[in-house]
Each structure stands twice: as C-alpha cells, then as structure tokens.
Amino acid sequence: MKRKLAVGAALSASALLAGALQAGAGLAQAAPAPVPAQERAALLAQAGADAPATARALGLGGTEKLVAKDVLTDANGNRHVRYERTYNGFPVLGGDLVVHRDSRGAVKSVDKAVKTAIAPASLTPKLSAEQAAAKAADAVKATMGLTGDTDEPALTSVDRTDAARLVVWAASGTPRLAYETRVEGMRADGTPSSQLVVTDAASGEVLSTREGVETANATGTGKGVFVGSVPLTTNSTGTTFELKDATRGGQYTVSLANKTGGNGTLYTDADNAWGDGTVANGQSAAVDAQYGAAATWDFYKTTFGRSGIRNDGVGAFSRVHYGRNYVNAFWSDSCFCMTYGDGASNTHPLTELDVSGHEMTHGVTASTAGLNYSGESGGLNEATSDIFGTAVEFHSNLSSDKGDYLIGELIDLNGNGTPLRYMDKPSKDGKSADYWSASVGSLNVHYSSGVANHFFYLLSEGSGAKTINGVAYDSPTYDGSTVTGIGRDKAVQIWYRALTVYMTSTTDYKGARAATLKAAGDLYGATSGEYQAVAAAWSGVNVN
C-alpha cells in the first residue's frame, strides 16, 4: 500500500498532501509492555496454534478460519490478538477482528470490523479471473483524466493489471464472493497509482476501489535542508561510509536521481560528513530523510516500546529525488519505503521531519488496525499519520524545527508560507472539516482527517487561545463548550492504544470515539479525568 501527504487524495501509497491517583494505577496495570522480536514471534505462533479453538469459541463456522496478524501484551498480562479471516479458504475483506484476553487466557471481548455473519450465497464465480481483471481495468480507465470529488490528481495512465484473486467481500453490504485486482498506473502529479479494485464475482459490479499508494555503525554528521546540523548513525565499509543505520533495523537512504521507479543508489561518502544544508547539494535532502526515519524509529521505540514500523525490528528505507517537479511524498507497503519528491522546480524537497513521521506511520497503521483508505476510516488513517508525525516533531525537539500542531509548515507547498494543515482549527486550510457531519466521509481523506486532528488537539491542549513554541492557536468547539486538555503525552498514548488494540479496518468516527474511550479506561480508569476529557474532546468535534 502507498499513501500521500495532502496535495492529492492518497493512493495505497500514503501521501502527505490533498481522577489522578486512579489514573496512575490504571496506567501501571494496562500500559503495553515492550516485547522482544523473538518473544513476539513465539506469541504469534501460539496465537496461530490457538486460532482454531478461538474460532470455535467465537461461534465461527467450520468454513471460517482465523490467521494471526499481530499480538500486543499489556504489563498486567492481558493480551490482544489481531486476526484476519478466511472463508472456505478465501480471504475475507472486512473480516478482521481483535480478541482481548485476560492474563489467564479467558476472552474478555472481541472487536470486529463487521458485525454481520459471513455467509456468501454462492462460492462459485460466474466470471473468470481474466474477465474480472478486465472489468477492473476498465473501471479504472474510466476514471482517467477525472479528479472526482476528492481533489485527487487525475489518473493519466494504466500500465499494468495483475491477476485477479477470489475473495469474500464483507466490508459493506451483504457478504459475497468477489475478485480483487490490482491495477497500476500513474497520476498527473507523478504519484504512482496502485488501485485495489473489488468486483462482484457474479455480476462484475465494482464494490470497492482504493488506492494502495498512501500519499515520509559509525557516527557521522549531516546538514539537512530542514533538520539543520544533526548526528547520523552510518555504516563504515573500511573504505567509505554508507547512509545506512544498523542500530535501527538497517534502514537506509537512496537517490532515485529523478527517476520514478527502482530501488535507487545507496548514498556513500568519503568523510562521513553529509550535505551542506542547501538544495543544490543532493545529500542535504538525504540527511533530512535519514534523520527523519531515525527520529520516527526513536519516537515509537521510546514512547511505546515499538521496534520499527511492523514491530519486528526491521527498518524501512527512504528514496529521495523522486521524479521531476514532484510535489508530494508517499509511503508504500509494497517496497516498505518512503519516497520524497523535490517539489516545484526541483528546489523544494518534501523531506520535512513531520512528513517523515507521517509517512512511516502509514506503515504502522497498515500493520495494526489496517484502516481502509477511504470514507471515514480513511480520514482516521490520515489523521493517525498527522498525529504521530506531529508527535515525532515534538519528541525530536530540534531548534531548526520545533514541535507544533501544523503539518508541513516548512515545505511551503502553498507558496505563501502557510502550512498544509492545521490541527487546532483544520478549516483554516480552506478544505478540511472542523467537525463531524454525515457528509464528512465523502471528503478527500486528507480533509476528513480534520475531525480527528481537531479532536487530538483539543484532547492535548484544550479549547481557546494558546501559544506553544511561539505559535498562536485558537481552537473552537462545535457546541461552544470548554475542553481542558490532558497533555500531548497522554493523548498520544490513548490514540496509540486505540489504534493497536481496538480499531479495525472499517472503524469510523463513532467507532474511534468508542476505541479511544476504551483505551483511556484501560490506561487511566473509566472514572478518570482523562476518560472524561476524551469524551469531552469528541463532543467538541460533534462525535457523540
């Protein structure tokens, strides 16, 4: 999957654009405990072995099987196992669930992406895989040149259609047999497109289309365009130095040399002093990207005990100098990498720190809740990246890029010095939603994210006027109520636990309220001030 920053709607590559005492007790009992990679692998293996018994205990039919995806263990011994599901051997899209067990192994509760029984009327397709792939390609081609209602850059080419696979579609409507086909192409702004198209196996009706591109051991020094002068952990070969960090899962940075594909060329240097802070020096953007990846790794490790994006100790890699005049950045699950364009005139790279945190967080979301990249769940996906991208910036505490509740404030994509998005009052960008409404799910996911971004700001800092690190904020509420913040550190813990323990692929804003309240109850107690603040902050953005 890939995802974008904000200029356009994201592809599956995520892109950047378009009570105190009781609280302490709750935190001590429920806080997630860091799990070594080897132990995590053993827990996953055990969850897999227990899957048949778990399926029976949940009342699933004999044709339904559970596949363990992730395990989270609390300090008090409670365990949360995330499963994907198959039906008669076919993957079930929308069948994911999380089973919560106490320290003795008893099932406490279950969170499901869909509540209805999964029982397709037929398991015999009327269309062949070739026919389904052709219909999927035709559906994508029909959108070429169109931007739709989401401001997503228009599709300009369809370059490849992969073989269709049979699945069971259960994310919406009546569960049915379907085909899933990946159709790849390119968008007008140079962002690659990798659309997953789900079609009814009987009629060929398009049931869903979503982008897979979501639109971030020597000690050297670097001077980046945005991060300034920073230390870098690099690799010495004996004759040269590589921009590769063995202490953080082997993550590294390459140059694409203005190409739009491939794995690029690993950066090397003779004296281990990288970049000079200017755009003209190609290493400067690489310093930003490598430092951003390290800062994001450190934030997740220090704050949550998470070892890398997938929590498996493996680092992603970064690609800089993508294409020409490419004004975006994106994360791709398929290459497990971040990619940064050089912006207008190839002189405005998108390698800002909160962009790095934003893009890598798309990978975290994909490996945990797997929030669908459309509708309200897509807005929550984007907001999650904004929330943790912001947290990475505060955590790093660079003098050249102090923490703030602004997204992309240094890359100046608007050309007038304004940030890409505002968390205290999202509508200041002219497109994002401050509050929930029945139509918010029809917005581009970068704009529907405003509801959750606003919630996070209110929960962290409260409503009204406030100045932080020299930036003035003034956050309103839907009902005119006053919200008192609990601090960013607690708000981050609540959102992370909600994401990794309670949210599923189809979680909407109502579900996000429920998930964060559960998380706050786990961490601080159901009668705590933190729990009440979560409820108040959601009401402040009209999610009740």
Protein backbone atom coordinates (compact mmCIF):
# COMPACT_ATOMS: atom_id res chain seq x y z
CA MET A 1 0.00 0.00 0.00
CA LYS A 2 1.05 3.58 -0.54
CA ARG A 3 -0.27 6.82 0.96
CA LYS A 4 0.20 10.60 0.40
CA LEU A 5 0.79 13.77 2.38
CA ALA A 6 -2.03 16.04 1.27
CA VAL A 7 -1.80 17.61 -2.13
CA GLY A 8 -3.97 14.93 -3.63
CA ALA A 9 -6.01 12.07 -2.37
CA ALA A 10 -3.83 9.26 -1.28
CA LEU A 11 -3.00 6.21 -3.18
CA SER A 12 -2.35 2.96 -1.36
CA ALA A 13 0.97 4.51 -1.00
CA SER A 14 0.04 7.05 1.59
CA ALA A 15 0.87 10.52 0.55
CA LEU A 16 1.25 13.57 2.67
CA LEU A 17 -0.90 16.06 0.68
CA ALA A 18 -4.68 16.65 -0.78
CA GLY A 19 -9.03 11.24 38.95
CA ALA A 20 -5.14 11.36 39.21
CA LEU A 21 -4.45 8.51 41.68
CA GLN A 22 -6.75 6.19 39.84
CA ALA A 23 -5.20 7.22 36.57
CA GLY A 24 -1.77 6.22 37.77
CA ALA A 25 -2.99 2.84 38.89
CA GLY A 26 -4.65 2.22 35.56
CA LEU A 27 -1.52 3.09 33.64
CA ALA A 28 0.65 0.81 35.74
CA GLN A 29 -1.66 -2.13 35.12
CA ALA A 30 -2.52 -1.71 31.47
CA ALA A 31 0.39 0.00 29.72
CA PRO A 32 1.74 -2.03 26.77
CA ALA A 33 4.92 -3.89 27.63
CA PRO A 34 7.76 -3.93 25.08
CA VAL A 35 8.06 -7.44 23.59
CA PRO A 36 11.39 -8.65 22.12
CA ALA A 37 11.16 -9.74 18.49
CA GLN A 38 11.82 -13.40 19.31
CA GLU A 39 9.15 -13.43 22.00
CA ARG A 40 6.69 -11.67 19.70
CA ALA A 41 7.29 -14.32 17.04
CA ALA A 42 6.58 -17.01 19.64
CA LEU A 43 3.37 -15.23 20.71
CA LEU A 44 2.23 -15.01 17.10
CA ALA A 45 2.99 -18.68 16.59
CA GLN A 46 1.00 -19.53 19.72
CA ALA A 47 -1.89 -17.36 18.56
CA GLY A 48 -1.83 -19.22 15.25
CA ALA A 49 -1.91 -22.56 17.03
CA ASP A 50 -4.82 -21.36 19.17
CA ALA A 51 -6.72 -19.96 16.19
CA PRO A 52 -8.99 -23.00 15.57
CA ALA A 53 -10.11 -23.09 19.21
CA THR A 54 -10.57 -19.31 19.19
CA ALA A 55 -12.74 -19.55 16.07
CA ARG A 56 -14.93 -22.17 17.71
CA ALA A 57 -15.19 -20.12 20.90
CA LEU A 58 -16.37 -17.15 18.84
CA GLY A 59 -19.02 -19.27 17.15
CA LEU A 60 -17.46 -19.11 13.69
CA GLY A 61 -18.49 -21.79 11.25
CA GLY A 62 -16.29 -24.63 10.14
CA THR A 63 -15.54 -22.85 6.87
CA GLU A 64 -14.13 -19.81 8.66
CA LYS A 65 -10.51 -19.75 9.81
CA LEU A 66 -8.52 -17.14 11.70
CA VAL A 67 -4.99 -16.05 10.75
CA ALA A 68 -2.99 -14.26 13.47
CA LYS A 69 -1.62 -10.90 12.31
CA ASP A 70 -0.36 -9.18 15.46
CA VAL A 71 -0.15 -9.59 19.23
CA LEU A 72 0.02 -6.89 21.89
CA THR A 73 0.64 -7.78 25.53
CA ASP A 74 -0.10 -5.42 28.44
CA ALA A 75 2.07 -5.17 31.52
CA ASN A 76 -0.73 -6.80 33.55
CA GLY A 77 -0.72 -9.89 31.31
CA ASN A 78 -3.76 -9.02 29.19
CA ARG A 79 -3.27 -9.98 25.56
CA HIS A 80 -4.80 -8.56 22.39
CA VAL A 81 -4.57 -10.71 19.27
CA ARG A 82 -5.44 -9.24 15.88
CA TYR A 83 -6.74 -11.79 13.38
CA GLU A 84 -7.57 -11.76 9.71
CA ARG A 85 -10.16 -14.24 8.48
CA THR A 86 -10.69 -16.66 5.62
CA TYR A 87 -13.93 -18.27 4.44
CA ASN A 88 -13.61 -21.62 2.67
CA GLY A 89 -10.01 -20.64 2.00
CA PHE A 90 -10.82 -17.22 0.52
CA PRO A 91 -9.50 -14.08 2.28
CA VAL A 92 -12.35 -12.09 3.84
CA LEU A 93 -12.03 -8.36 3.20
CA GLY A 94 -13.59 -6.72 6.25
CA GLY A 95 -13.37 -9.89 8.32
CA ASP A 96 -10.60 -8.72 10.63
CA LEU A 97 -11.13 -8.77 14.39
CA VAL A 98 -9.28 -8.32 17.68
CA VAL A 99 -9.67 -10.81 20.52
CA HIS A 100 -8.97 -9.44 24.00
CA ARG A 101 -7.92 -11.98 26.65
CA ASP A 102 -7.13 -11.55 30.32
CA SER A 103 -3.94 -12.80 31.94
CA ARG A 104 -5.49 -16.27 32.42
CA GLY A 105 -6.39 -16.57 28.76
CA ALA A 106 -10.14 -16.01 29.10
CA VAL A 107 -11.77 -13.99 26.31
CA LYS A 108 -12.90 -10.61 27.67
CA SER A 109 -14.28 -9.05 24.49
CA VAL A 110 -13.99 -9.01 20.70
CA ASP A 111 -13.84 -6.07 18.30
CA LYS A 112 -14.97 -6.94 14.77
CA ALA A 113 -14.72 -4.92 11.57
CA VAL A 114 -18.17 -6.21 10.57
CA LYS A 115 -20.89 -7.48 12.88
CA THR A 116 -22.93 -9.48 10.36
CA ALA A 117 -22.47 -13.19 9.76
CA ILE A 118 -20.20 -14.02 6.83
CA ALA A 119 -22.07 -16.48 4.61
CA PRO A 120 -21.90 -15.74 0.86
CA ALA A 121 -24.86 -17.08 -1.09
CA SER A 122 -22.53 -18.69 -3.62
CA LEU A 123 -18.89 -19.68 -3.74
CA THR A 124 -18.92 -20.35 -7.47
CA PRO A 125 -17.86 -17.35 -9.60
CA LYS A 126 -19.78 -16.63 -12.78
CA LEU A 127 -16.93 -14.56 -14.13
CA SER A 128 -13.44 -15.86 -14.81
CA ALA A 129 -10.40 -14.24 -13.24
CA GLU A 130 -9.46 -12.83 -16.66
CA GLN A 131 -12.92 -11.29 -17.10
CA ALA A 132 -12.78 -9.80 -13.60
CA ALA A 133 -9.33 -8.30 -14.21
CA ALA A 134 -10.56 -6.76 -17.47
CA LYS A 135 -13.59 -5.23 -15.74
CA ALA A 136 -11.38 -3.82 -13.00
CA ALA A 137 -9.01 -2.30 -15.55
CA ASP A 138 -11.95 -0.83 -17.49
CA ALA A 139 -13.34 0.70 -14.30
CA VAL A 140 -10.00 2.36 -13.53
CA LYS A 141 -9.51 3.51 -17.13
CA ALA A 142 -12.95 5.14 -17.00
CA THR A 143 -11.60 7.50 -14.33
CA MET A 144 -8.61 8.67 -16.38
CA GLY A 145 -8.50 12.44 -16.60
CA LEU A 146 -11.03 12.82 -13.79
CA THR A 147 -10.30 14.25 -10.34
CA GLY A 148 -13.65 13.31 -8.80
CA ASP A 149 -14.93 14.88 -5.60
CA THR A 150 -11.74 14.42 -3.60
CA ASP A 151 -9.20 16.66 -5.39
CA GLU A 152 -7.07 13.59 -6.12
CA PRO A 153 -4.68 14.16 -9.04
CA ALA A 154 -6.16 12.68 -12.20
CA LEU A 155 -5.03 9.27 -13.40
CA THR A 156 -3.09 9.67 -16.64
CA SER A 157 -2.14 6.09 -17.48
CA VAL A 158 -2.92 2.46 -16.69
CA ASP A 159 0.27 0.48 -17.10
CA ARG A 160 -0.35 -2.96 -15.63
CA THR A 161 -3.16 -5.17 -14.34
CA ASP A 162 -2.25 -8.05 -12.05
CA ALA A 163 -4.10 -11.37 -11.96
CA ALA A 164 -7.39 -11.23 -10.05
CA ARG A 165 -7.80 -13.30 -6.88
CA LEU A 166 -11.01 -14.60 -5.36
CA VAL A 167 -12.02 -13.09 -2.01
CA VAL A 168 -15.10 -12.70 0.12
CA TRP A 169 -16.25 -9.08 0.32
CA ALA A 170 -17.70 -8.29 3.74
CA ALA A 171 -16.66 -4.68 4.37
CA SER A 172 -20.07 -3.36 3.32
CA GLY A 173 -23.44 -4.65 2.20
CA THR A 174 -24.21 -8.36 2.00
CA PRO A 175 -21.10 -10.61 2.12
CA ARG A 176 -20.46 -12.06 -1.32
CA LEU A 177 -17.85 -13.78 -3.44
CA ALA A 178 -15.72 -11.24 -5.28
CA TYR A 179 -12.48 -10.71 -7.14
CA GLU A 180 -9.72 -8.36 -6.02
CA THR A 181 -7.49 -6.95 -8.76
CA ARG A 182 -4.53 -4.58 -8.55
CA VAL A 183 -4.38 -2.01 -11.36
CA GLU A 184 -1.24 0.10 -11.56
CA GLY A 185 -0.65 3.39 -13.33
CA MET A 186 0.45 6.99 -12.87
CA ARG A 187 -1.27 10.20 -11.78
CA ALA A 188 -0.91 13.67 -13.21
CA ASP A 189 1.36 14.89 -10.41
CA GLY A 190 3.79 11.97 -10.90
CA THR A 191 2.50 9.89 -7.99
CA PRO A 192 2.30 6.19 -8.84
CA SER A 193 -1.15 4.63 -8.60
CA SER A 194 -1.77 1.12 -7.32
CA GLN A 195 -5.52 0.67 -7.05
CA LEU A 196 -7.13 -2.39 -5.49
CA VAL A 197 -10.45 -2.95 -7.24
CA VAL A 198 -13.04 -5.36 -5.81
CA THR A 199 -15.66 -6.64 -8.24
CA ASP A 200 -18.65 -8.92 -7.69
CA ALA A 201 -17.72 -12.41 -8.93
CA ALA A 202 -21.19 -12.86 -10.40
CA SER A 203 -22.09 -9.53 -11.96
CA GLY A 204 -18.79 -7.70 -12.30
CA GLU A 205 -20.16 -4.76 -10.30
CA VAL A 206 -17.40 -2.66 -8.75
CA LEU A 207 -17.80 -2.96 -4.97
CA SER A 208 -14.74 -1.01 -3.87
CA THR A 209 -11.77 0.87 -5.24
CA ARG A 210 -8.97 2.09 -3.03
CA GLU A 211 -5.52 3.44 -3.61
CA GLY A 212 -2.63 1.38 -2.41
CA VAL A 213 -0.28 4.35 -2.52
CA GLU A 214 -0.89 6.47 0.53
CA THR A 215 0.06 10.00 0.00
CA ALA A 216 7.77 10.50 4.89
CA ASN A 217 27.64 1.98 12.97
CA ALA A 218 29.80 4.85 12.70
CA THR A 219 28.73 8.29 13.84
CA GLY A 220 28.62 10.89 11.13
CA THR A 221 27.28 14.40 10.87
CA GLY A 222 24.76 15.80 8.45
CA LYS A 223 23.30 19.14 7.50
CA GLY A 224 19.82 18.86 6.06
CA VAL A 225 17.56 21.28 4.28
CA PHE A 226 15.11 21.27 7.21
CA VAL A 227 16.66 19.42 10.17
CA GLY A 228 19.82 21.53 10.26
CA SER A 229 23.00 20.02 11.72
CA VAL A 230 22.34 16.58 13.19
CA PRO A 231 24.25 13.43 14.14
CA LEU A 232 23.78 10.40 11.88
CA THR A 233 24.47 6.74 12.57
CA THR A 234 26.11 5.37 9.42
CA ASN A 235 27.91 2.26 8.25
CA SER A 236 31.66 2.08 7.62
CA THR A 237 32.87 -0.37 4.97
CA GLY A 238 36.51 0.36 5.76
CA THR A 239 36.98 2.47 2.66
CA THR A 240 33.82 4.56 2.62
CA PHE A 241 30.72 5.37 4.64
CA GLU A 242 27.14 4.39 3.78
CA LEU A 243 23.95 6.22 4.79
CA LYS A 244 22.72 3.07 6.50
CA ASP A 245 21.85 2.59 10.17
CA ALA A 246 22.37 -0.91 11.59
CA THR A 247 21.18 0.22 15.03
CA ARG A 248 17.69 0.95 13.72
CA GLY A 249 16.86 -2.14 11.73
CA GLY A 250 19.26 -1.43 8.87
CA GLN A 251 17.25 1.50 7.49
CA TYR A 252 18.99 3.44 4.72
CA THR A 253 18.53 6.20 2.16
CA VAL A 254 18.97 6.09 -1.62
CA SER A 255 18.80 8.55 -4.51
CA LEU A 256 16.40 7.90 -7.38
CA ALA A 257 18.22 10.54 -9.44
CA ASN A 258 14.88 11.97 -10.67
CA LYS A 259 13.60 8.61 -11.85
CA THR A 260 10.15 7.30 -10.83
CA GLY A 261 10.97 3.66 -10.20
CA GLY A 262 13.56 1.25 -8.89
CA ASN A 263 15.46 0.93 -5.62
CA GLY A 264 17.85 3.80 -6.29
CA THR A 265 21.51 4.12 -5.37
CA LEU A 266 22.67 3.96 -1.76
CA TYR A 267 24.32 7.18 -0.58
CA THR A 268 28.03 6.85 0.19
CA ASP A 269 30.56 9.41 1.38
CA ALA A 270 34.31 9.56 1.98
CA ASP A 271 34.44 11.64 5.17
CA ASN A 272 31.10 10.82 6.86
CA ALA A 273 30.02 14.48 6.71
CA TRP A 274 26.80 14.61 4.71
CA GLY A 275 25.15 17.54 2.93
CA ASP A 276 25.60 21.26 3.45
CA GLY A 277 22.02 22.35 4.09
CA THR A 278 21.44 23.58 0.55
CA VAL A 279 19.07 22.12 -2.02
CA ALA A 280 21.85 22.19 -4.60
CA ASN A 281 23.71 19.52 -2.64
CA GLY A 282 21.72 16.34 -3.22
CA GLN A 283 22.91 14.86 0.08
CA SER A 284 21.07 17.53 2.07
CA ALA A 285 17.62 16.08 1.34
CA ALA A 286 19.05 12.62 2.08
CA VAL A 287 20.16 13.87 5.51
CA ASP A 288 16.59 15.04 6.20
CA ALA A 289 15.16 11.67 5.14
CA GLN A 290 17.65 9.54 7.06
CA TYR A 291 17.35 11.64 10.20
CA GLY A 292 13.54 11.65 9.88
CA ALA A 293 13.47 7.86 9.69
CA ALA A 294 15.75 7.60 12.74
CA ALA A 295 13.69 10.14 14.70
CA THR A 296 10.49 8.25 13.90
CA TRP A 297 12.05 4.94 14.93
CA ASP A 298 13.22 6.50 18.20
CA PHE A 299 9.81 8.05 18.92
CA TYR A 300 7.99 4.74 18.56
CA LYS A 301 10.67 2.82 20.47
CA THR A 302 10.90 5.29 23.36
CA THR A 303 7.20 6.09 23.65
CA PHE A 304 5.58 2.70 23.01
CA GLY A 305 8.37 0.13 23.05
CA ARG A 306 7.66 -0.50 19.34
CA SER A 307 10.63 -1.81 17.38
CA GLY A 308 10.16 -0.49 13.87
CA ILE A 309 7.10 0.01 11.70
CA ARG A 310 5.98 -3.62 11.86
CA ASN A 311 7.34 -4.08 15.37
CA ASP A 312 9.67 -6.74 14.02
CA GLY A 313 12.98 -4.86 14.29
CA VAL A 314 13.23 -4.30 10.53
CA GLY A 315 13.91 -0.78 9.25
CA ALA A 316 12.36 0.74 6.13
CA PHE A 317 14.33 2.63 3.51
CA SER A 318 13.91 6.11 2.09
CA ARG A 319 14.06 7.24 -1.54
CA VAL A 320 14.82 10.89 -2.29
CA HIS A 321 14.88 12.88 -5.56
CA TYR A 322 11.85 11.08 -6.99
CA GLY A 323 10.80 12.27 -10.47
CA ARG A 324 10.96 15.86 -11.62
CA ASN A 325 8.96 18.69 -10.06
CA TYR A 326 7.11 16.09 -8.00
CA VAL A 327 5.27 17.97 -5.25
CA ASN A 328 4.49 15.18 -2.82
CA ALA A 329 5.81 12.37 -0.65
CA PHE A 330 4.38 8.90 -0.11
CA TRP A 331 4.67 5.65 1.80
CA SER A 332 4.41 2.30 0.00
CA ASP A 333 3.82 -1.01 1.76
CA SER A 334 4.93 -2.89 -1.35
CA CYS A 335 8.52 -1.59 -1.17
CA PHE A 336 8.37 -0.90 2.58
CA CYS A 337 9.77 2.53 1.87
CA MET A 338 9.21 6.28 1.98
CA THR A 339 9.58 8.36 -1.18
CA TYR A 340 10.12 12.13 -1.43
CA GLY A 341 9.78 14.44 -4.40
CA ASP A 342 11.89 17.55 -4.91
CA GLY A 343 8.90 19.88 -5.27
CA ALA A 344 8.41 22.75 -7.66
CA SER A 345 11.39 23.39 -9.95
CA ASN A 346 13.14 20.51 -8.17
CA THR A 347 14.19 23.01 -5.49
CA HIS A 348 11.65 22.39 -2.70
CA PRO A 349 12.15 18.85 -1.37
CA LEU A 350 9.37 17.45 0.82
CA THR A 351 11.77 15.99 3.40
CA GLU A 352 10.46 17.86 6.44
CA LEU A 353 10.54 15.96 9.76
CA ASP A 354 6.79 15.72 10.35
CA VAL A 355 6.41 14.44 6.79
CA SER A 356 8.79 11.58 7.62
CA GLY A 357 6.84 10.73 10.75
CA HIS A 358 3.57 11.00 8.83
CA GLU A 359 4.64 8.63 6.05
CA MET A 360 6.21 5.97 8.29
CA THR A 361 3.09 5.99 10.43
CA HIS A 362 1.06 4.84 7.42
CA GLY A 363 3.14 1.68 7.66
CA VAL A 364 2.33 1.35 11.37
CA THR A 365 -1.39 1.72 10.63
CA ALA A 366 -1.17 -0.90 7.87
CA SER A 367 0.46 -3.39 10.23
CA THR A 368 -2.05 -2.79 13.05
CA ALA A 369 -5.63 -1.60 12.52
CA GLY A 370 -5.32 -1.59 8.73
CA LEU A 371 -7.74 1.33 8.42
CA ASN A 372 -9.28 1.34 4.95
CA TYR A 373 -8.08 4.31 2.92
CA SER A 374 -11.49 5.67 2.03
CA GLY A 375 -14.52 7.17 3.79
CA GLU A 376 -14.30 7.95 7.49
CA SER A 377 -11.77 5.19 8.13
CA GLY A 378 -9.54 6.82 5.51
CA GLY A 379 -9.79 10.12 7.35
CA LEU A 380 -8.79 8.36 10.56
CA ASN A 381 -5.87 6.76 8.70
CA GLU A 382 -4.61 10.17 7.56
CA ALA A 383 -5.21 11.74 10.97
CA THR A 384 -3.22 8.96 12.64
CA SER A 385 -0.25 9.91 10.45
CA ASP A 386 -0.70 13.61 11.23
CA ILE A 387 -1.00 12.87 14.95
CA PHE A 388 2.14 10.77 15.20
CA GLY A 389 4.03 12.91 12.66
CA THR A 390 3.37 15.85 14.98
CA ALA A 391 4.43 13.77 17.98
CA VAL A 392 7.71 12.86 16.25
CA GLU A 393 8.42 16.55 15.71
CA PHE A 394 7.79 17.40 19.38
CA HIS A 395 9.80 14.35 20.52
CA SER A 396 12.84 15.34 18.41
CA ASN A 397 12.82 18.91 19.76
CA LEU A 398 15.06 20.34 17.03
CA SER A 399 15.92 24.02 17.24
CA SER A 400 15.52 24.21 13.45
CA ASP A 401 12.03 22.63 13.50
CA LYS A 402 10.34 22.98 16.87
CA GLY A 403 7.24 20.96 17.65
CA ASP A 404 3.91 22.43 16.60
CA TYR A 405 0.38 21.44 15.63
CA LEU A 406 0.92 22.42 11.99
CA ILE A 407 1.52 19.90 9.20
CA GLY A 408 4.17 20.63 6.57
CA GLU A 409 4.75 24.18 7.76
CA LEU A 410 8.32 24.35 6.39
CA ILE A 411 7.88 22.88 2.91
CA ASP A 412 5.63 25.77 1.81
CA LEU A 413 3.56 23.85 -0.71
CA ASN A 414 1.04 26.69 -0.83
CA GLY A 415 3.74 29.16 -1.86
CA ASN A 416 2.67 31.74 0.71
CA GLY A 417 4.34 30.46 3.86
CA THR A 418 1.22 28.75 5.25
CA PRO A 419 1.21 25.14 6.46
CA LEU A 420 -0.51 22.30 4.70
CA ARG A 421 -2.89 21.55 7.60
CA TYR A 422 -3.83 22.99 10.99
CA MET A 423 -4.83 20.79 13.92
CA ASP A 424 -6.33 23.44 16.20
CA LYS A 425 -8.83 24.58 13.56
CA PRO A 426 -8.49 22.41 10.44
CA SER A 427 -10.82 24.54 8.30
CA LYS A 428 -8.15 27.26 8.19
CA ASP A 429 -6.72 25.41 5.19
CA GLY A 430 -9.95 26.12 3.30
CA LYS A 431 -10.96 22.48 2.80
CA SER A 432 -10.66 20.39 5.99
CA ALA A 433 -13.55 19.67 8.33
CA ASP A 434 -13.50 21.02 11.88
CA TYR A 435 -16.45 18.87 12.97
CA TRP A 436 -18.14 15.62 12.09
CA SER A 437 -21.20 15.63 9.82
CA ALA A 438 -22.97 12.92 7.84
CA SER A 439 -21.13 14.03 4.70
CA VAL A 440 -17.60 14.07 6.11
CA GLY A 441 -16.85 10.58 4.76
CA SER A 442 -17.30 11.83 1.19
CA LEU A 443 -14.39 14.27 1.53
CA ASN A 444 -10.85 13.57 0.42
CA VAL A 445 -9.26 11.64 3.30
CA HIS A 446 -6.78 14.46 3.84
CA TYR A 447 -9.69 16.77 4.63
CA SER A 448 -11.98 14.38 6.52
CA SER A 449 -8.96 13.81 8.76
CA GLY A 450 -9.60 17.26 10.19
CA VAL A 451 -12.20 15.91 12.62
CA ALA A 452 -9.69 13.59 14.33
CA ASN A 453 -6.86 16.11 14.11
CA HIS A 454 -9.10 18.66 15.86
CA PHE A 455 -10.05 16.06 18.48
CA PHE A 456 -6.39 15.32 19.17
CA TYR A 457 -5.53 18.99 19.58
CA LEU A 458 -8.46 19.54 21.98
CA LEU A 459 -7.52 16.45 23.98
CA SER A 460 -3.88 17.54 24.18
CA GLU A 461 -4.14 21.30 24.67
CA GLY A 462 -7.81 22.16 25.23
CA SER A 463 -10.02 24.76 23.57
CA GLY A 464 -9.46 28.50 23.25
CA ALA A 465 -6.38 30.64 22.65
CA LYS A 466 -2.90 29.36 23.47
CA THR A 467 0.70 29.92 22.35
CA ILE A 468 3.11 26.96 22.14
CA ASN A 469 6.72 27.26 20.96
CA GLY A 470 5.92 30.68 19.56
CA VAL A 471 2.90 29.53 17.52
CA ALA A 472 -0.51 31.00 18.38
CA TYR A 473 -3.52 28.67 18.36
CA ASP A 474 -7.22 29.26 18.98
CA SER A 475 -9.30 26.09 18.94
CA PRO A 476 -13.12 26.29 18.90
CA THR A 477 -15.67 23.58 19.74
CA TYR A 478 -18.84 22.55 17.92
CA ASP A 479 -21.14 23.22 20.87
CA GLY A 480 -19.25 26.16 22.35
CA SER A 481 -18.12 24.04 25.29
CA THR A 482 -14.77 24.46 27.05
CA VAL A 483 -12.42 21.48 26.80
CA THR A 484 -9.47 21.11 29.17
CA GLY A 485 -6.50 19.27 27.67
CA ILE A 486 -4.69 16.38 29.38
CA GLY A 487 -1.34 16.96 27.67
CA ARG A 488 0.09 15.59 24.45
CA ASP A 489 1.93 12.68 26.07
CA LYS A 490 -1.26 11.15 27.47
CA ALA A 491 -3.23 11.90 24.31
CA VAL A 492 -0.61 10.08 22.23
CA GLN A 493 -0.75 7.02 24.49
CA ILE A 494 -4.55 6.90 24.21
CA TRP A 495 -4.54 7.16 20.42
CA TYR A 496 -1.84 4.51 20.03
CA ARG A 497 -3.63 2.04 22.25
CA ALA A 498 -6.91 2.67 20.43
CA LEU A 499 -5.17 2.10 17.08
CA THR A 500 -3.29 -1.05 18.03
CA VAL A 501 -5.82 -2.70 20.34
CA TYR A 502 -9.36 -1.65 19.37
CA MET A 503 -9.61 -0.14 15.87
CA THR A 504 -10.25 -2.36 12.84
CA SER A 505 -10.19 -1.79 9.09
CA THR A 506 -13.71 -0.27 8.99
CA THR A 507 -13.60 1.90 12.13
CA ASP A 508 -15.48 5.17 11.59
CA TYR A 509 -15.64 8.28 13.78
CA LYS A 510 -18.23 6.80 16.11
CA GLY A 511 -16.03 3.72 16.43
CA ALA A 512 -12.96 5.88 17.05
CA ARG A 513 -14.75 7.56 19.95
CA ALA A 514 -15.55 4.14 21.43
CA ALA A 515 -11.99 2.88 20.83
CA THR A 516 -10.31 5.88 22.47
CA LEU A 517 -12.67 5.73 25.45
CA LYS A 518 -11.78 2.05 25.92
CA ALA A 519 -8.09 2.95 25.65
CA ALA A 520 -8.44 5.78 28.17
CA GLY A 521 -10.29 3.44 30.53
CA ASP A 522 -7.52 0.85 30.22
CA LEU A 523 -4.75 3.35 30.85
CA TYR A 524 -6.28 5.71 33.38
CA GLY A 525 -9.56 4.24 34.60
CA ALA A 526 -13.16 4.61 33.42
CA THR A 527 -13.89 7.30 36.03
CA SER A 528 -10.66 9.23 35.49
CA GLY A 529 -10.30 12.79 34.33
CA GLU A 530 -8.54 11.50 31.22
CA TYR A 531 -11.56 9.37 30.29
CA GLN A 532 -13.88 12.33 30.74
CA ALA A 533 -11.56 14.53 28.67
CA VAL A 534 -11.69 12.06 25.76
CA ALA A 535 -15.49 12.17 25.82
CA ALA A 536 -15.48 15.98 26.01
CA ALA A 537 -12.99 16.36 23.15
CA TRP A 538 -15.08 14.12 20.88
CA SER A 539 -18.21 16.07 21.75
CA GLY A 540 -16.25 19.20 20.90
CA VAL A 541 -15.96 17.95 17.30
CA ASN A 542 -19.57 16.69 17.18
CA VAL A 543 -18.82 12.97 17.59
CA ASN A 544 -21.22 11.73 20.27
